[in-house]
Amino acid sequence: MLGTLVGSVIGGALAVAATPVVLSTMGFTGAGIAAGSIAAKMMSAAAVANGGGVAAGSLVAILQSVGVLGLSTSTNAILGAAGAAAVVLL
């Protein structure tokens, strides 16, 4: 029981800590989408599919918003819970 609790805490913390790092690595940065990155490729594909622009509320728009502003408290709570649950299910 204690091992599951400790694993859940670690899994939750890792999920919250890793998300901004992963998004930044993909190219969703505070300064905008990094040239030549995965994010730039996603933005290009979204723009082509949308007739030249990236739609508000699209995945690319949401991820860039997170890259600039960070995650809200409620989103961190959801990520933490998901990370904790993933550890329990393993």
PDB file of N, CA and C in Angstrom:
ATOM      1  N   MET A   1       0.832  -1.197   0.000  1.00  0.00           N
ATOM      2  CA  MET A   1       0.000   0.000   0.000  1.00  0.00           C
ATOM      3  C   MET A   1       0.873   1.257   0.000  1.00  0.00           C
ATOM      4  N   LEU A   2       1.903   1.289   0.830  1.00  0.00           N
ATOM      5  CA  LEU A   2       2.772   2.458   0.903  1.00  0.00           C
ATOM      6  C   LEU A   2       3.526   2.659  -0.408  1.00  0.00           C
ATOM      7  N   GLY A   3       3.942   1.558  -1.036  1.00  0.00           N
ATOM      8  CA  GLY A   3       4.636   1.642  -2.322  1.00  0.00           C
ATOM      9  C   GLY A   3       3.749   2.242  -3.400  1.00  0.00           C
ATOM     10  N   THR A   4       2.473   1.869  -3.398  1.00  0.00           N
ATOM     11  CA  THR A   4       1.526   2.424  -4.362  1.00  0.00           C
ATOM     12  C   THR A   4       1.331   3.909  -4.121  1.00  0.00           C
ATOM     13  N   LEU A   5       1.242   4.309  -2.864  1.00  0.00           N
ATOM     14  CA  LEU A   5       1.072   5.723  -2.527  1.00  0.00           C
ATOM     15  C   LEU A   5       2.284   6.537  -2.959  1.00  0.00           C
ATOM     16  N   VAL A   6       3.462   6.044  -2.646  1.00  0.00           N
ATOM     17  CA  VAL A   6       4.693   6.746  -3.027  1.00  0.00           C
ATOM     18  C   VAL A   6       4.814   6.809  -4.555  1.00  0.00           C
ATOM     19  N   GLY A   7       4.520   5.711  -5.224  1.00  0.00           N
ATOM     20  CA  GLY A   7       4.561   5.681  -6.686  1.00  0.00           C
ATOM     21  C   GLY A   7       3.584   6.659  -7.298  1.00  0.00           C
ATOM     22  N   SER A   8       2.401   6.768  -6.709  1.00  0.00           N
ATOM     23  CA  SER A   8       1.394   7.706  -7.208  1.00  0.00           C
ATOM     24  C   SER A   8       1.850   9.144  -7.051  1.00  0.00           C
ATOM     25  N   VAL A   9       2.439   9.454  -5.917  1.00  0.00           N
ATOM     26  CA  VAL A   9       2.932  10.816  -5.688  1.00  0.00           C
ATOM     27  C   VAL A   9       4.031  11.148  -6.691  1.00  0.00           C
ATOM     28  N   ILE A  10       4.940  10.218  -6.888  1.00  0.00           N
ATOM     29  CA  ILE A  10       6.033  10.444  -7.842  1.00  0.00           C
ATOM     30  C   ILE A  10       5.488  10.568  -9.265  1.00  0.00           C
ATOM     31  N   GLY A  11       4.571   9.705  -9.641  1.00  0.00           N
ATOM     32  CA  GLY A  11       3.976   9.762 -10.987  1.00  0.00           C
ATOM     33  C   GLY A  11       3.243  11.069 -11.227  1.00  0.00           C
ATOM     34  N   GLY A  12       2.506  11.523 -10.231  1.00  0.00           N
ATOM     35  CA  GLY A  12       1.800  12.803 -10.359  1.00  0.00           C
ATOM     36  C   GLY A  12       2.757  13.966 -10.500  1.00  0.00           C
ATOM     37  N   ALA A  13       3.799  13.973  -9.693  1.00  0.00           N
ATOM     38  CA  ALA A  13       4.779  15.063  -9.742  1.00  0.00           C
ATOM     39  C   ALA A  13       5.528  15.066 -11.075  1.00  0.00           C
ATOM     40  N   LEU A  14       5.868  13.890 -11.572  1.00  0.00           N
ATOM     41  CA  LEU A  14       6.568  13.811 -12.853  1.00  0.00           C
ATOM     42  C   LEU A  14       5.702  14.306 -14.004  1.00  0.00           C
ATOM     43  N   ALA A  15       4.430  13.969 -13.973  1.00  0.00           N
ATOM     44  CA  ALA A  15       3.528  14.422 -15.040  1.00  0.00           C
ATOM     45  C   ALA A  15       3.444  15.946 -15.068  1.00  0.00           C
ATOM     46  N   VAL A  16       3.340  16.555 -13.899  1.00  0.00           N
ATOM     47  CA  VAL A  16       3.244  18.017 -13.819  1.00  0.00           C
ATOM     48  C   VAL A  16       4.559  18.666 -14.229  1.00  0.00           C
ATOM     49  N   ALA A  17       5.675  18.117 -13.799  1.00  0.00           N
ATOM     50  CA  ALA A  17       6.981  18.709 -14.093  1.00  0.00           C
ATOM     51  C   ALA A  17       7.405  18.485 -15.541  1.00  0.00           C
ATOM     52  N   ALA A  18       7.046  17.358 -16.116  1.00  0.00           N
ATOM     53  CA  ALA A  18       7.515  17.017 -17.462  1.00  0.00           C
ATOM     54  C   ALA A  18       6.755  17.742 -18.564  1.00  0.00           C
ATOM     55  N   THR A  19       5.514  18.090 -18.339  1.00  0.00           N
ATOM     56  CA  THR A  19       4.700  18.685 -19.403  1.00  0.00           C
ATOM     57  C   THR A  19       5.310  19.957 -19.982  1.00  0.00           C
ATOM     58  N   PRO A  20       5.692  20.951 -19.173  1.00  0.00           N
ATOM     59  CA  PRO A  20       6.306  22.145 -19.774  1.00  0.00           C
ATOM     60  C   PRO A  20       7.623  21.852 -20.499  1.00  0.00           C
ATOM     61  N   VAL A  21       8.389  20.910 -19.984  1.00  0.00           N
ATOM     62  CA  VAL A  21       9.656  20.548 -20.620  1.00  0.00           C
ATOM     63  C   VAL A  21       9.399  19.922 -21.987  1.00  0.00           C
ATOM     64  N   VAL A  22       8.447  19.022 -22.051  1.00  0.00           N
ATOM     65  CA  VAL A  22       8.118  18.360 -23.312  1.00  0.00           C
ATOM     66  C   VAL A  22       7.602  19.378 -24.329  1.00  0.00           C
ATOM     67  N   LEU A  23       6.709  20.281 -23.902  1.00  0.00           N
ATOM     68  CA  LEU A  23       6.180  21.284 -24.827  1.00  0.00           C
ATOM     69  C   LEU A  23       7.277  22.197 -25.348  1.00  0.00           C
ATOM     70  N   SER A  24       8.180  22.602 -24.476  1.00  0.00           N
ATOM     71  CA  SER A  24       9.294  23.452 -24.894  1.00  0.00           C
ATOM     72  C   SER A  24      10.199  22.714 -25.876  1.00  0.00           C
ATOM     73  N   THR A  25      10.455  21.456 -25.616  1.00  0.00           N
ATOM     74  CA  THR A  25      11.279  20.646 -26.503  1.00  0.00           C
ATOM     75  C   THR A  25      10.625  20.497 -27.875  1.00  0.00           C
ATOM     76  N   MET A  26       9.303  20.435 -27.896  1.00  0.00           N
ATOM     77  CA  MET A  26       8.574  20.341 -29.162  1.00  0.00           C
ATOM     78  C   MET A  26       8.588  21.651 -29.932  1.00  0.00           C
ATOM     79  N   GLY A  27       8.893  22.769 -29.247  1.00  0.00           N
ATOM     80  CA  GLY A  27       8.956  24.058 -29.922  1.00  0.00           C
ATOM     81  C   GLY A  27       7.899  25.048 -29.496  1.00  0.00           C
ATOM     82  N   PHE A  28       7.069  24.708 -28.531  1.00  0.00           N
ATOM     83  CA  PHE A  28       6.071  25.634 -28.000  1.00  0.00           C
ATOM     84  C   PHE A  28       6.716  26.408 -26.854  1.00  0.00           C
ATOM     85  N   THR A  29       7.294  27.574 -27.170  1.00  0.00           N
ATOM     86  CA  THR A  29       8.068  28.323 -26.184  1.00  0.00           C
ATOM     87  C   THR A  29       7.374  29.616 -25.785  1.00  0.00           C
ATOM     88  N   GLY A  30       7.900  30.246 -24.764  1.00  0.00           N
ATOM     89  CA  GLY A  30       7.370  31.527 -24.314  1.00  0.00           C
ATOM     90  C   GLY A  30       7.558  32.636 -25.329  1.00  0.00           C
ATOM     91  N   ALA A  31       8.519  32.475 -26.222  1.00  0.00           N
ATOM     92  CA  ALA A  31       8.794  33.483 -27.253  1.00  0.00           C
ATOM     93  C   ALA A  31       8.052  33.186 -28.559  1.00  0.00           C
ATOM     94  N   GLY A  32       7.271  32.135 -28.585  1.00  0.00           N
ATOM     95  CA  GLY A  32       6.557  31.747 -29.802  1.00  0.00           C
ATOM     96  C   GLY A  32       7.004  30.372 -30.262  1.00  0.00           C
ATOM     97  N   ILE A  33       6.492  29.970 -31.397  1.00  0.00           N
ATOM     98  CA  ILE A  33       6.829  28.662 -31.939  1.00  0.00           C
ATOM     99  C   ILE A  33       8.225  28.726 -32.552  1.00  0.00           C
ATOM    100  N   ALA A  34       9.076  27.791 -32.158  1.00  0.00           N
ATOM    101  CA  ALA A  34      10.466  27.762 -32.629  1.00  0.00           C
ATOM    102  C   ALA A  34      10.534  27.284 -34.078  1.00  0.00           C
ATOM    103  N   ALA A  35      11.318  27.985 -34.874  1.00  0.00           N
ATOM    104  CA  ALA A  35      11.484  27.635 -36.283  1.00  0.00           C
ATOM    105  C   ALA A  35      12.090  26.247 -36.426  1.00  0.00           C
ATOM    106  N   GLY A  36      11.570  25.475 -37.373  1.00  0.00           N
ATOM    107  CA  GLY A  36      12.103  24.148 -37.665  1.00  0.00           C
ATOM    108  C   GLY A  36      11.735  23.074 -36.668  1.00  0.00           C
ATOM    109  N   SER A  37      10.875  23.390 -35.724  1.00  0.00           N
ATOM    110  CA  SER A  37      10.518  22.443 -34.668  1.00  0.00           C
ATOM    111  C   SER A  37       9.285  21.624 -35.052  1.00  0.00           C
ATOM    112  N   ILE A  38       8.973  20.661 -34.217  1.00  0.00           N
ATOM    113  CA  ILE A  38       7.740  19.887 -34.379  1.00  0.00           C
ATOM    114  C   ILE A  38       6.545  20.825 -34.319  1.00  0.00           C
ATOM    115  N   ALA A  39       6.590  21.799 -33.422  1.00  0.00           N
ATOM    116  CA  ALA A  39       5.495  22.762 -33.298  1.00  0.00           C
ATOM    117  C   ALA A  39       5.315  23.544 -34.592  1.00  0.00           C
ATOM    118  N   ALA A  40       6.414  23.919 -35.239  1.00  0.00           N
ATOM    119  CA  ALA A  40       6.323  24.648 -36.501  1.00  0.00           C
ATOM    120  C   ALA A  40       5.681  23.792 -37.578  1.00  0.00           C
ATOM    121  N   LYS A  41       6.017  22.518 -37.597  1.00  0.00           N
ATOM    122  CA  LYS A  41       5.409  21.604 -38.571  1.00  0.00           C
ATOM    123  C   LYS A  41       3.917  21.433 -38.298  1.00  0.00           C
ATOM    124  N   MET A  42       3.564  21.336 -37.010  1.00  0.00           N
ATOM    125  CA  MET A  42       2.152  21.232 -36.645  1.00  0.00           C
ATOM    126  C   MET A  42       1.397  22.496 -37.045  1.00  0.00           C
ATOM    127  N   MET A  43       2.008  23.656 -36.804  1.00  0.00           N
ATOM    128  CA  MET A  43       1.376  24.926 -37.143  1.00  0.00           C
ATOM    129  C   MET A  43       1.189  25.032 -38.657  1.00  0.00           C
ATOM    130  N   SER A  44       2.180  24.629 -39.416  1.00  0.00           N
ATOM    131  CA  SER A  44       2.087  24.675 -40.870  1.00  0.00           C
ATOM    132  C   SER A  44       0.951  23.785 -41.374  1.00  0.00           C
ATOM    133  N   ALA A  45       0.882  22.579 -40.852  1.00  0.00           N
ATOM    134  CA  ALA A  45      -0.181  21.653 -41.272  1.00  0.00           C
ATOM    135  C   ALA A  45      -1.558  22.197 -40.894  1.00  0.00           C
ATOM    136  N   ALA A  46      -1.670  22.788 -39.703  1.00  0.00           N
ATOM    137  CA  ALA A  46      -2.948  23.357 -39.273  1.00  0.00           C
ATOM    138  C   ALA A  46      -3.342  24.526 -40.155  1.00  0.00           C
ATOM    139  N   ALA A  47      -2.373  25.353 -40.527  1.00  0.00           N
ATOM    140  CA  ALA A  47      -2.660  26.507 -41.379  1.00  0.00           C
ATOM    141  C   ALA A  47      -3.101  26.069 -42.771  1.00  0.00           C
ATOM    142  N   VAL A  48      -2.437  25.066 -43.328  1.00  0.00           N
ATOM    143  CA  VAL A  48      -2.818  24.556 -44.643  1.00  0.00           C
ATOM    144  C   VAL A  48      -4.230  23.987 -44.597  1.00  0.00           C
ATOM    145  N   ALA A  49      -4.530  23.234 -43.556  1.00  0.00           N
ATOM    146  CA  ALA A  49      -5.849  22.621 -43.425  1.00  0.00           C
ATOM    147  C   ALA A  49      -6.947  23.661 -43.192  1.00  0.00           C
ATOM    148  N   ASN A  50      -6.561  24.822 -42.665  1.00  0.00           N
ATOM    149  CA  ASN A  50      -7.536  25.849 -42.321  1.00  0.00           C
ATOM    150  C   ASN A  50      -7.578  27.000 -43.321  1.00  0.00           C
ATOM    151  N   GLY A  51      -6.931  26.851 -44.431  1.00  0.00           N
ATOM    152  CA  GLY A  51      -6.961  27.904 -45.429  1.00  0.00           C
ATOM    153  C   GLY A  51      -6.022  29.062 -45.135  1.00  0.00           C
ATOM    154  N   GLY A  52      -4.972  28.837 -44.373  1.00  0.00           N
ATOM    155  CA  GLY A  52      -3.972  29.872 -44.160  1.00  0.00           C
ATOM    156  C   GLY A  52      -3.807  30.357 -42.743  1.00  0.00           C
ATOM    157  N   GLY A  53      -4.666  29.996 -41.848  1.00  0.00           N
ATOM    158  CA  GLY A  53      -4.548  30.446 -40.459  1.00  0.00           C
ATOM    159  C   GLY A  53      -4.731  29.296 -39.487  1.00  0.00           C
ATOM    160  N   VAL A  54      -4.282  29.503 -38.282  1.00  0.00           N
ATOM    161  CA  VAL A  54      -4.474  28.512 -37.227  1.00  0.00           C
ATOM    162  C   VAL A  54      -5.715  28.898 -36.443  1.00  0.00           C
ATOM    163  N   ALA A  55      -6.670  28.005 -36.378  1.00  0.00           N
ATOM    164  CA  ALA A  55      -7.944  28.298 -35.720  1.00  0.00           C
ATOM    165  C   ALA A  55      -7.778  28.425 -34.211  1.00  0.00           C
ATOM    166  N   ALA A  56      -8.457  29.413 -33.646  1.00  0.00           N
ATOM    167  CA  ALA A  56      -8.492  29.556 -32.192  1.00  0.00           C
ATOM    168  C   ALA A  56      -9.115  28.295 -31.600  1.00  0.00           C
ATOM    169  N   GLY A  57      -8.539  27.820 -30.527  1.00  0.00           N
ATOM    170  CA  GLY A  57      -9.058  26.620 -29.869  1.00  0.00           C
ATOM    171  C   GLY A  57      -8.540  25.321 -30.455  1.00  0.00           C
ATOM    172  N   SER A  58      -7.730  25.404 -31.514  1.00  0.00           N
ATOM    173  CA  SER A  58      -7.157  24.185 -32.093  1.00  0.00           C
ATOM    174  C   SER A  58      -6.047  23.676 -31.182  1.00  0.00           C
ATOM    175  N   LEU A  59      -5.605  22.459 -31.425  1.00  0.00           N
ATOM    176  CA  LEU A  59      -4.555  21.868 -30.597  1.00  0.00           C
ATOM    177  C   LEU A  59      -3.292  22.724 -30.622  1.00  0.00           C
ATOM    178  N   VAL A  60      -2.911  23.203 -31.806  1.00  0.00           N
ATOM    179  CA  VAL A  60      -1.707  24.035 -31.917  1.00  0.00           C
ATOM    180  C   VAL A  60      -1.878  25.322 -31.098  1.00  0.00           C
ATOM    181  N   ALA A  61      -3.032  25.944 -31.203  1.00  0.00           N
ATOM    182  CA  ALA A  61      -3.283  27.186 -30.457  1.00  0.00           C
ATOM    183  C   ALA A  61      -3.244  26.948 -28.950  1.00  0.00           C
ATOM    184  N   ILE A  62      -3.834  25.860 -28.510  1.00  0.00           N
ATOM    185  CA  ILE A  62      -3.848  25.546 -27.078  1.00  0.00           C
ATOM    186  C   ILE A  62      -2.437  25.263 -26.571  1.00  0.00           C
ATOM    187  N   LEU A  63      -1.677  24.457 -27.318  1.00  0.00           N
ATOM    188  CA  LEU A  63      -0.317  24.130 -26.886  1.00  0.00           C
ATOM    189  C   LEU A  63       0.577  25.364 -26.876  1.00  0.00           C
ATOM    190  N   GLN A  64       0.393  26.262 -27.847  1.00  0.00           N
ATOM    191  CA  GLN A  64       1.197  27.487 -27.839  1.00  0.00           C
ATOM    192  C   GLN A  64       0.812  28.377 -26.659  1.00  0.00           C
ATOM    193  N   SER A  65      -0.450  28.420 -26.341  1.00  0.00           N
ATOM    194  CA  SER A  65      -0.902  29.185 -25.176  1.00  0.00           C
ATOM    195  C   SER A  65      -0.255  28.644 -23.900  1.00  0.00           C
ATOM    196  N   VAL A  66      -0.211  27.344 -23.778  1.00  0.00           N
ATOM    197  CA  VAL A  66       0.438  26.727 -22.616  1.00  0.00           C
ATOM    198  C   VAL A  66       1.931  27.030 -22.630  1.00  0.00           C
ATOM    199  N   GLY A  67       2.545  27.014 -23.821  1.00  0.00           N
ATOM    200  CA  GLY A  67       3.961  27.334 -23.925  1.00  0.00           C
ATOM    201  C   GLY A  67       4.269  28.743 -23.457  1.00  0.00           C
ATOM    202  N   VAL A  68       3.374  29.670 -23.704  1.00  0.00           N
ATOM    203  CA  VAL A  68       3.581  31.071 -23.315  1.00  0.00           C
ATOM    204  C   VAL A  68       3.180  31.310 -21.863  1.00  0.00           C
ATOM    205  N   LEU A  69       1.999  30.858 -21.497  1.00  0.00           N
ATOM    206  CA  LEU A  69       1.430  31.189 -20.186  1.00  0.00           C
ATOM    207  C   LEU A  69       1.694  30.152 -19.104  1.00  0.00           C
ATOM    208  N   GLY A  70       2.024  28.937 -19.488  1.00  0.00           N
ATOM    209  CA  GLY A  70       2.145  27.863 -18.510  1.00  0.00           C
ATOM    210  C   GLY A  70       0.792  27.211 -18.273  1.00  0.00           C
ATOM    211  N   LEU A  71       0.767  26.291 -17.355  1.00  0.00           N
ATOM    212  CA  LEU A  71      -0.448  25.538 -17.056  1.00  0.00           C
ATOM    213  C   LEU A  71      -1.195  26.153 -15.874  1.00  0.00           C
ATOM    214  N   SER A  72      -2.506  26.100 -15.941  1.00  0.00           N
ATOM    215  CA  SER A  72      -3.319  26.595 -14.836  1.00  0.00           C
ATOM    216  C   SER A  72      -3.271  25.614 -13.669  1.00  0.00           C
ATOM    217  N   THR A  73      -3.694  26.064 -12.531  1.00  0.00           N
ATOM    218  CA  THR A  73      -3.721  25.208 -11.342  1.00  0.00           C
ATOM    219  C   THR A  73      -4.610  23.993 -11.566  1.00  0.00           C
ATOM    220  N   SER A  74      -5.765  24.202 -12.193  1.00  0.00           N
ATOM    221  CA  SER A  74      -6.674  23.072 -12.413  1.00  0.00           C
ATOM    222  C   SER A  74      -6.073  22.068 -13.400  1.00  0.00           C
ATOM    223  N   THR A  75      -5.370  22.558 -14.419  1.00  0.00           N
ATOM    224  CA  THR A  75      -4.725  21.651 -15.363  1.00  0.00           C
ATOM    225  C   THR A  75      -3.607  20.872 -14.686  1.00  0.00           C
ATOM    226  N   ASN A  76      -2.839  21.537 -13.825  1.00  0.00           N
ATOM    227  CA  ASN A  76      -1.803  20.831 -13.063  1.00  0.00           C
ATOM    228  C   ASN A  76      -2.416  19.749 -12.187  1.00  0.00           C
ATOM    229  N   ALA A  77      -3.565  20.034 -11.592  1.00  0.00           N
ATOM    230  CA  ALA A  77      -4.236  19.039 -10.755  1.00  0.00           C
ATOM    231  C   ALA A  77      -4.677  17.840 -11.584  1.00  0.00           C
ATOM    232  N   ILE A  78      -5.197  18.100 -12.772  1.00  0.00           N
ATOM    233  CA  ILE A  78      -5.634  17.010 -13.651  1.00  0.00           C
ATOM    234  C   ILE A  78      -4.436  16.180 -14.107  1.00  0.00           C
ATOM    235  N   LEU A  79      -3.354  16.854 -14.509  1.00  0.00           N
ATOM    236  CA  LEU A  79      -2.142  16.130 -14.910  1.00  0.00           C
ATOM    237  C   LEU A  79      -1.587  15.294 -13.764  1.00  0.00           C
ATOM    238  N   GLY A  80      -1.576  15.869 -12.574  1.00  0.00           N
ATOM    239  CA  GLY A  80      -1.096  15.131 -11.404  1.00  0.00           C
ATOM    240  C   GLY A  80      -1.925  13.897 -11.132  1.00  0.00           C
ATOM    241  N   ALA A  81      -3.236  14.050 -11.233  1.00  0.00           N
ATOM    242  CA  ALA A  81      -4.128  12.911 -11.007  1.00  0.00           C
ATOM    243  C   ALA A  81      -3.929  11.845 -12.081  1.00  0.00           C
ATOM    244  N   ALA A  82      -3.763  12.280 -13.329  1.00  0.00           N
ATOM    245  CA  ALA A  82      -3.554  11.325 -14.418  1.00  0.00           C
ATOM    246  C   ALA A  82      -2.227  10.592 -14.238  1.00  0.00           C
ATOM    247  N   GLY A  83      -1.185  11.317 -13.853  1.00  0.00           N
ATOM    248  CA  GLY A  83       0.106  10.678 -13.615  1.00  0.00           C
ATOM    249  C   GLY A  83       0.054   9.692 -12.468  1.00  0.00           C
ATOM    250  N   ALA A  84      -0.658  10.069 -11.415  1.00  0.00           N
ATOM    251  CA  ALA A  84      -0.811   9.162 -10.267  1.00  0.00           C
ATOM    252  C   ALA A  84      -1.603   7.921 -10.670  1.00  0.00           C
ATOM    253  N   ALA A  85      -2.661   8.109 -11.425  1.00  0.00           N
ATOM    254  CA  ALA A  85      -3.479   6.976 -11.849  1.00  0.00           C
ATOM    255  C   ALA A  85      -2.707   6.052 -12.770  1.00  0.00           C
ATOM    256  N   ALA A  86      -1.886   6.632 -13.643  1.00  0.00           N
ATOM    257  CA  ALA A  86      -1.099   5.812 -14.571  1.00  0.00           C
ATOM    258  C   ALA A  86      -0.149   4.889 -13.806  1.00  0.00           C
ATOM    259  N   VAL A  87       0.433   5.383 -12.731  1.00  0.00           N
ATOM    260  CA  VAL A  87       1.343   4.562 -11.938  1.00  0.00           C
ATOM    261  C   VAL A  87       0.574   3.422 -11.277  1.00  0.00           C
ATOM    262  N   VAL A  88      -0.596   3.710 -10.770  1.00  0.00           N
ATOM    263  CA  VAL A  88      -1.411   2.687 -10.093  1.00  0.00           C
ATOM    264  C   VAL A  88      -1.816   1.616 -11.077  1.00  0.00           C
ATOM    265  N   LEU A  89      -2.149   2.004 -12.308  1.00  0.00           N
ATOM    266  CA  LEU A  89      -2.597   1.036 -13.312  1.00  0.00           C
ATOM    267  C   LEU A  89      -1.465   0.169 -13.835  1.00  0.00           C
ATOM    268  N   LEU A  90      -0.226   0.647 -13.691  1.00  0.00           N
ATOM    269  CA  LEU A  90       0.901  -0.166 -14.148  1.00  0.00           C
ATOM    270  C   LEU A  90       1.139  -1.233 -13.128  1.00  0.00           C
TER     271      LEU A  90
END
